[in-house]
PDB file of all heavy atoms in Angstrom:
ATOM      1  N   GLY A   1      89.357 138.734 118.171  1.00  0.00           N
ATOM      2  CA  GLY A   1      90.159 139.073 119.342  1.00  0.00           C
ATOM      3  C   GLY A   1      89.514 139.921 120.410  1.00  0.00           C
ATOM      4  O   GLY A   1      90.179 140.356 121.342  1.00  0.00           O
ATOM      5  N   GLY A   2      88.206 140.235 120.286  1.00  0.00           N
ATOM      6  CA  GLY A   2      87.549 140.975 121.353  1.00  0.00           C
ATOM      7  C   GLY A   2      87.611 142.484 121.146  1.00  0.00           C
ATOM      8  O   GLY A   2      87.710 142.985 120.016  1.00  0.00           O
ATOM      9  N   TYR A   3      87.599 143.225 122.246  1.00  0.00           N
ATOM     10  CA  TYR A   3      87.414 144.674 122.195  1.00  0.00           C
ATOM     11  C   TYR A   3      88.467 145.400 123.024  1.00  0.00           C
ATOM     12  O   TYR A   3      88.895 144.916 124.071  1.00  0.00           O
ATOM     13  CB  TYR A   3      86.011 145.037 122.690  1.00  0.00           C
ATOM     14  CG  TYR A   3      84.932 144.312 121.936  1.00  0.00           C
ATOM     15  CD1 TYR A   3      84.468 143.055 122.367  1.00  0.00           C
ATOM     16  CD2 TYR A   3      84.405 144.845 120.775  1.00  0.00           C
ATOM     17  CE1 TYR A   3      83.504 142.377 121.661  1.00  0.00           C
ATOM     18  CE2 TYR A   3      83.430 144.170 120.047  1.00  0.00           C
ATOM     19  CZ  TYR A   3      82.977 142.933 120.504  1.00  0.00           C
ATOM     20  OH  TYR A   3      82.026 142.251 119.782  1.00  0.00           O
ATOM     21  N   ALA A   4      88.873 146.554 122.525  1.00  0.00           N
ATOM     22  CA  ALA A   4      89.833 147.404 123.241  1.00  0.00           C
ATOM     23  C   ALA A   4      89.687 148.817 122.702  1.00  0.00           C
ATOM     24  O   ALA A   4      88.887 149.084 121.799  1.00  0.00           O
ATOM     25  CB  ALA A   4      91.258 146.903 123.061  1.00  0.00           C
ATOM     26  N   TRP A   5      90.462 149.748 123.285  1.00  0.00           N
ATOM     27  CA  TRP A   5      90.471 151.132 122.788  1.00  0.00           C
ATOM     28  C   TRP A   5      91.925 151.589 122.735  1.00  0.00           C
ATOM     29  O   TRP A   5      92.340 152.455 123.468  1.00  0.00           O
ATOM     30  CB  TRP A   5      89.637 152.045 123.676  1.00  0.00           C
ATOM     31  CG  TRP A   5      89.251 153.325 122.980  1.00  0.00           C
ATOM     32  CD1 TRP A   5      89.973 154.478 122.939  1.00  0.00           C
ATOM     33  CD2 TRP A   5      88.059 153.566 122.232  1.00  0.00           C
ATOM     34  NE1 TRP A   5      89.311 155.423 122.196  1.00  0.00           N
ATOM     35  CE2 TRP A   5      88.120 154.903 121.747  1.00  0.00           C
ATOM     36  CE3 TRP A   5      86.944 152.783 121.911  1.00  0.00           C
ATOM     37  CZ2 TRP A   5      87.115 155.464 120.968  1.00  0.00           C
ATOM     38  CZ3 TRP A   5      85.943 153.355 121.128  1.00  0.00           C
ATOM     39  CH2 TRP A   5      86.035 154.677 120.670  1.00  0.00           C
ATOM     40  N   ASP A   6      92.682 150.959 121.826  1.00  0.00           N
ATOM     41  CA  ASP A   6      94.121 151.196 121.778  1.00  0.00           C
ATOM     42  C   ASP A   6      94.641 151.347 120.351  1.00  0.00           C
ATOM     43  O   ASP A   6      95.851 151.267 120.112  1.00  0.00           O
ATOM     44  CB  ASP A   6      94.851 150.048 122.468  1.00  0.00           C
ATOM     45  CG  ASP A   6      94.506 148.674 121.897  1.00  0.00           C
ATOM     46  OD1 ASP A   6      93.758 148.620 120.888  1.00  0.00           O
ATOM     47  OD2 ASP A   6      94.974 147.661 122.458  1.00  0.00           O
ATOM     48  N   GLY A   7      93.749 151.565 119.388  1.00  0.00           N
ATOM     49  CA  GLY A   7      94.170 151.714 118.008  1.00  0.00           C
ATOM     50  C   GLY A   7      94.384 150.409 117.273  1.00  0.00           C
ATOM     51  O   GLY A   7      94.698 150.434 116.084  1.00  0.00           O
ATOM     52  N   SER A   8      94.208 149.288 117.954  1.00  0.00           N
ATOM     53  CA  SER A   8      94.409 147.984 117.326  1.00  0.00           C
ATOM     54  C   SER A   8      93.134 147.513 116.641  1.00  0.00           C
ATOM     55  O   SER A   8      92.110 148.203 116.631  1.00  0.00           O
ATOM     56  CB  SER A   8      94.823 146.962 118.389  1.00  0.00           C
ATOM     57  OG  SER A   8      93.755 146.732 119.295  1.00  0.00           O
ATOM     58  N   GLY A   9      93.212 146.300 116.077  1.00  0.00           N
ATOM     59  CA  GLY A   9      92.033 145.720 115.462  1.00  0.00           C
ATOM     60  C   GLY A   9      90.900 145.524 116.444  1.00  0.00           C
ATOM     61  O   GLY A   9      89.723 145.523 116.056  1.00  0.00           O
ATOM     62  N   GLN A  10      91.254 145.365 117.737  1.00  0.00           N
ATOM     63  CA  GLN A  10      90.214 145.222 118.753  1.00  0.00           C
ATOM     64  C   GLN A  10      89.395 146.514 118.909  1.00  0.00           C
ATOM     65  O   GLN A  10      88.220 146.461 119.249  1.00  0.00           O
ATOM     66  CB  GLN A  10      90.830 144.836 120.095  1.00  0.00           C
ATOM     67  CG  GLN A  10      91.277 143.381 120.203  1.00  0.00           C
ATOM     68  CD  GLN A  10      92.513 143.088 119.361  1.00  0.00           C
ATOM     69  OE1 GLN A  10      93.410 143.935 119.275  1.00  0.00           O
ATOM     70  NE2 GLN A  10      92.550 141.924 118.747  1.00  0.00           N
ATOM     71  N   GLU A  11      90.014 147.660 118.635  1.00  0.00           N
ATOM     72  CA  GLU A  11      89.234 148.894 118.674  1.00  0.00           C
ATOM     73  C   GLU A  11      88.283 148.973 117.487  1.00  0.00           C
ATOM     74  O   GLU A  11      87.149 149.441 117.624  1.00  0.00           O
ATOM     75  CB  GLU A  11      90.150 150.123 118.682  1.00  0.00           C
ATOM     76  CG  GLU A  11      89.379 151.431 118.772  1.00  0.00           C
ATOM     77  CD  GLU A  11      90.254 152.655 118.940  1.00  0.00           C
ATOM     78  OE1 GLU A  11      91.490 152.495 119.093  1.00  0.00           O
ATOM     79  OE2 GLU A  11      89.715 153.768 118.913  1.00  0.00           O
ATOM     80  N   PHE A  12      88.729 148.495 116.329  1.00  0.00           N
ATOM     81  CA  PHE A  12      87.818 148.461 115.185  1.00  0.00           C
ATOM     82  C   PHE A  12      86.583 147.631 115.502  1.00  0.00           C
ATOM     83  O   PHE A  12      85.468 147.965 115.051  1.00  0.00           O
ATOM     84  CB  PHE A  12      88.517 147.871 113.955  1.00  0.00           C
ATOM     85  CG  PHE A  12      87.570 147.647 112.804  1.00  0.00           C
ATOM     86  CD1 PHE A  12      87.294 148.667 111.907  1.00  0.00           C
ATOM     87  CD2 PHE A  12      86.936 146.416 112.625  1.00  0.00           C
ATOM     88  CE1 PHE A  12      86.412 148.470 110.861  1.00  0.00           C
ATOM     89  CE2 PHE A  12      86.047 146.214 111.584  1.00  0.00           C
ATOM     90  CZ  PHE A  12      85.785 147.245 110.698  1.00  0.00           C
ATOM     91  N   ASN A  13      86.740 146.570 116.280  1.00  0.00           N
ATOM     92  CA  ASN A  13      85.617 145.689 116.586  1.00  0.00           C
ATOM     93  C   ASN A  13      84.490 146.407 117.323  1.00  0.00           C
ATOM     94  O   ASN A  13      83.336 145.951 117.302  1.00  0.00           O
ATOM     95  CB  ASN A  13      86.094 144.499 117.428  1.00  0.00           C
ATOM     96  CG  ASN A  13      87.047 143.599 116.672  1.00  0.00           C
ATOM     97  OD1 ASN A  13      87.129 143.646 115.444  1.00  0.00           O
ATOM     98  ND2 ASN A  13      87.789 142.776 117.393  1.00  0.00           N
ATOM     99  N   VAL A  14      84.829 147.515 117.972  1.00  0.00           N
ATOM    100  CA  VAL A  14      83.792 148.299 118.650  1.00  0.00           C
ATOM    101  C   VAL A  14      82.816 148.882 117.628  1.00  0.00           C
ATOM    102  O   VAL A  14      81.621 149.049 117.913  1.00  0.00           O
ATOM    103  CB  VAL A  14      84.439 149.429 119.489  1.00  0.00           C
ATOM    104  CG1 VAL A  14      83.380 150.336 120.097  1.00  0.00           C
ATOM    105  CG2 VAL A  14      85.334 148.834 120.579  1.00  0.00           C
ATOM    106  N   HIS A  15      83.315 149.181 116.445  1.00  0.00           N
ATOM    107  CA  HIS A  15      82.506 149.858 115.420  1.00  0.00           C
ATOM    108  C   HIS A  15      81.282 149.045 114.998  1.00  0.00           C
ATOM    109  O   HIS A  15      80.147 149.545 115.107  1.00  0.00           O
ATOM    110  CB  HIS A  15      83.391 150.198 114.217  1.00  0.00           C
ATOM    111  CG  HIS A  15      82.633 150.702 113.034  1.00  0.00           C
ATOM    112  ND1 HIS A  15      82.017 151.933 113.005  1.00  0.00           N
ATOM    113  CD2 HIS A  15      82.378 150.116 111.823  1.00  0.00           C
ATOM    114  CE1 HIS A  15      81.425 152.103 111.834  1.00  0.00           C
ATOM    115  NE2 HIS A  15      81.629 151.016 111.108  1.00  0.00           N
ATOM    116  N   PRO A  16      81.446 147.816 114.497  1.00  0.00           N
ATOM    117  CA  PRO A  16      80.238 147.093 114.064  1.00  0.00           C
ATOM    118  C   PRO A  16      79.268 146.811 115.205  1.00  0.00           C
ATOM    119  O   PRO A  16      78.046 146.871 115.003  1.00  0.00           O
ATOM    120  CB  PRO A  16      80.790 145.786 113.466  1.00  0.00           C
ATOM    121  CG  PRO A  16      82.174 145.668 113.974  1.00  0.00           C
ATOM    122  CD  PRO A  16      82.674 147.049 114.211  1.00  0.00           C
ATOM    123  N   LEU A  17      79.780 146.531 116.390  1.00  0.00           N
ATOM    124  CA  LEU A  17      78.882 146.261 117.515  1.00  0.00           C
ATOM    125  C   LEU A  17      78.045 147.484 117.860  1.00  0.00           C
ATOM    126  O   LEU A  17      76.820 147.387 118.065  1.00  0.00           O
ATOM    127  CB  LEU A  17      79.693 145.803 118.727  1.00  0.00           C
ATOM    128  CG  LEU A  17      78.869 145.461 119.976  1.00  0.00           C
ATOM    129  CD1 LEU A  17      77.898 144.321 119.695  1.00  0.00           C
ATOM    130  CD2 LEU A  17      79.793 145.101 121.138  1.00  0.00           C
ATOM    131  N   CYS A  18      78.678 148.642 117.908  1.00  0.00           N
ATOM    132  CA  CYS A  18      77.951 149.871 118.244  1.00  0.00           C
ATOM    133  C   CYS A  18      76.950 150.248 117.164  1.00  0.00           C
ATOM    134  O   CYS A  18      75.836 150.709 117.471  1.00  0.00           O
ATOM    135  CB  CYS A  18      78.935 151.015 118.466  1.00  0.00           C
ATOM    136  SG  CYS A  18      79.815 150.956 120.036  1.00  0.00           S
ATOM    137  N   MET A  19      77.317 150.065 115.916  1.00  0.00           N
ATOM    138  CA  MET A  19      76.411 150.477 114.845  1.00  0.00           C
ATOM    139  C   MET A  19      75.184 149.573 114.781  1.00  0.00           C
ATOM    140  O   MET A  19      74.061 150.051 114.563  1.00  0.00           O
ATOM    141  CB  MET A  19      77.136 150.487 113.497  1.00  0.00           C
ATOM    142  CG  MET A  19      78.384 151.380 113.466  1.00  0.00           C
ATOM    143  SD  MET A  19      78.230 152.958 114.314  1.00  0.00           S
ATOM    144  CE  MET A  19      77.265 153.896 113.163  1.00  0.00           C
ATOM    145  N   VAL A  20      75.370 148.269 114.975  1.00  0.00           N
ATOM    146  CA  VAL A  20      74.217 147.361 114.985  1.00  0.00           C
ATOM    147  C   VAL A  20      73.337 147.624 116.201  1.00  0.00           C
ATOM    148  O   VAL A  20      72.105 147.647 116.107  1.00  0.00           O
ATOM    149  CB  VAL A  20      74.679 145.891 114.938  1.00  0.00           C
ATOM    150  CG1 VAL A  20      73.502 144.945 115.179  1.00  0.00           C
ATOM    151  CG2 VAL A  20      75.334 145.582 113.599  1.00  0.00           C
ATOM    152  N   LEU A  21      73.961 147.846 117.350  1.00  0.00           N
ATOM    153  CA  LEU A  21      73.192 148.132 118.561  1.00  0.00           C
ATOM    154  C   LEU A  21      72.470 149.472 118.465  1.00  0.00           C
ATOM    155  O   LEU A  21      71.279 149.568 118.801  1.00  0.00           O
ATOM    156  CB  LEU A  21      74.127 148.141 119.775  1.00  0.00           C
ATOM    157  CG  LEU A  21      73.500 148.539 121.122  1.00  0.00           C
ATOM    158  CD1 LEU A  21      72.350 147.602 121.487  1.00  0.00           C
ATOM    159  CD2 LEU A  21      74.567 148.537 122.212  1.00  0.00           C
ATOM    160  N   GLY A  22      73.162 150.506 117.967  1.00  0.00           N
ATOM    161  CA  GLY A  22      72.581 151.844 117.956  1.00  0.00           C
ATOM    162  C   GLY A  22      71.670 152.108 116.782  1.00  0.00           C
ATOM    163  O   GLY A  22      70.470 152.366 116.954  1.00  0.00           O
ATOM    164  N   LEU A  23      72.220 152.033 115.570  1.00  0.00           N
ATOM    165  CA  LEU A  23      71.466 152.461 114.389  1.00  0.00           C
ATOM    166  C   LEU A  23      70.597 151.375 113.772  1.00  0.00           C
ATOM    167  O   LEU A  23      69.974 151.601 112.732  1.00  0.00           O
ATOM    168  CB  LEU A  23      72.418 153.018 113.333  1.00  0.00           C
ATOM    169  CG  LEU A  23      72.936 154.435 113.596  1.00  0.00           C
ATOM    170  CD1 LEU A  23      73.747 154.952 112.428  1.00  0.00           C
ATOM    171  CD2 LEU A  23      71.795 155.400 113.899  1.00  0.00           C
ATOM    172  N   VAL A  24      70.568 150.189 114.397  1.00  0.00           N
ATOM    173  CA  VAL A  24      69.636 149.157 113.943  1.00  0.00           C
ATOM    174  C   VAL A  24      68.672 148.785 115.069  1.00  0.00           C
ATOM    175  O   VAL A  24      67.473 149.073 115.000  1.00  0.00           O
ATOM    176  CB  VAL A  24      70.390 147.901 113.429  1.00  0.00           C
ATOM    177  CG1 VAL A  24      69.386 146.802 113.073  1.00  0.00           C
ATOM    178  CG2 VAL A  24      71.226 148.243 112.211  1.00  0.00           C
ATOM    179  N   PHE A  25      69.189 148.175 116.142  1.00  0.00           N
ATOM    180  CA  PHE A  25      68.288 147.655 117.174  1.00  0.00           C
ATOM    181  C   PHE A  25      67.568 148.765 117.940  1.00  0.00           C
ATOM    182  O   PHE A  25      66.338 148.792 118.008  1.00  0.00           O
ATOM    183  CB  PHE A  25      69.076 146.756 118.133  1.00  0.00           C
ATOM    184  CG  PHE A  25      68.230 146.160 119.228  1.00  0.00           C
ATOM    185  CD1 PHE A  25      67.090 145.439 118.916  1.00  0.00           C
ATOM    186  CD2 PHE A  25      68.574 146.309 120.554  1.00  0.00           C
ATOM    187  CE1 PHE A  25      66.306 144.890 119.912  1.00  0.00           C
ATOM    188  CE2 PHE A  25      67.800 145.759 121.559  1.00  0.00           C
ATOM    189  CZ  PHE A  25      66.651 145.050 121.236  1.00  0.00           C
ATOM    190  N   LEU A  26      68.321 149.699 118.525  1.00  0.00           N
ATOM    191  CA  LEU A  26      67.679 150.770 119.287  1.00  0.00           C
ATOM    192  C   LEU A  26      66.861 151.694 118.384  1.00  0.00           C
ATOM    193  O   LEU A  26      65.792 152.172 118.773  1.00  0.00           O
ATOM    194  CB  LEU A  26      68.726 151.575 120.052  1.00  0.00           C
ATOM    195  CG  LEU A  26      69.356 150.882 121.255  1.00  0.00           C
ATOM    196  CD1 LEU A  26      70.419 151.769 121.897  1.00  0.00           C
ATOM    197  CD2 LEU A  26      68.307 150.499 122.291  1.00  0.00           C
ATOM    198  N   TYR A  27      67.357 151.938 117.192  1.00  0.00           N
ATOM    199  CA  TYR A  27      66.613 152.769 116.250  1.00  0.00           C
ATOM    200  C   TYR A  27      65.291 152.095 115.880  1.00  0.00           C
ATOM    201  O   TYR A  27      64.235 152.740 115.833  1.00  0.00           O
ATOM    202  CB  TYR A  27      67.474 153.021 115.014  1.00  0.00           C
ATOM    203  CG  TYR A  27      66.875 153.967 114.007  1.00  0.00           C
ATOM    204  CD1 TYR A  27      65.965 154.942 114.381  1.00  0.00           C
ATOM    205  CD2 TYR A  27      67.236 153.888 112.665  1.00  0.00           C
ATOM    206  CE1 TYR A  27      65.425 155.820 113.449  1.00  0.00           C
ATOM    207  CE2 TYR A  27      66.698 154.756 111.722  1.00  0.00           C
ATOM    208  CZ  TYR A  27      65.792 155.717 112.125  1.00  0.00           C
ATOM    209  OH  TYR A  27      65.255 156.584 111.207  1.00  0.00           O
TER     210      TYR A  27
END
């Protein structure tokens, strides 16, 4: 369902994207 910042499942989706981008690719 994409991304949001409202406490829904879409906010959870931000988590895996940020962790792969930050602590894997950029790291």
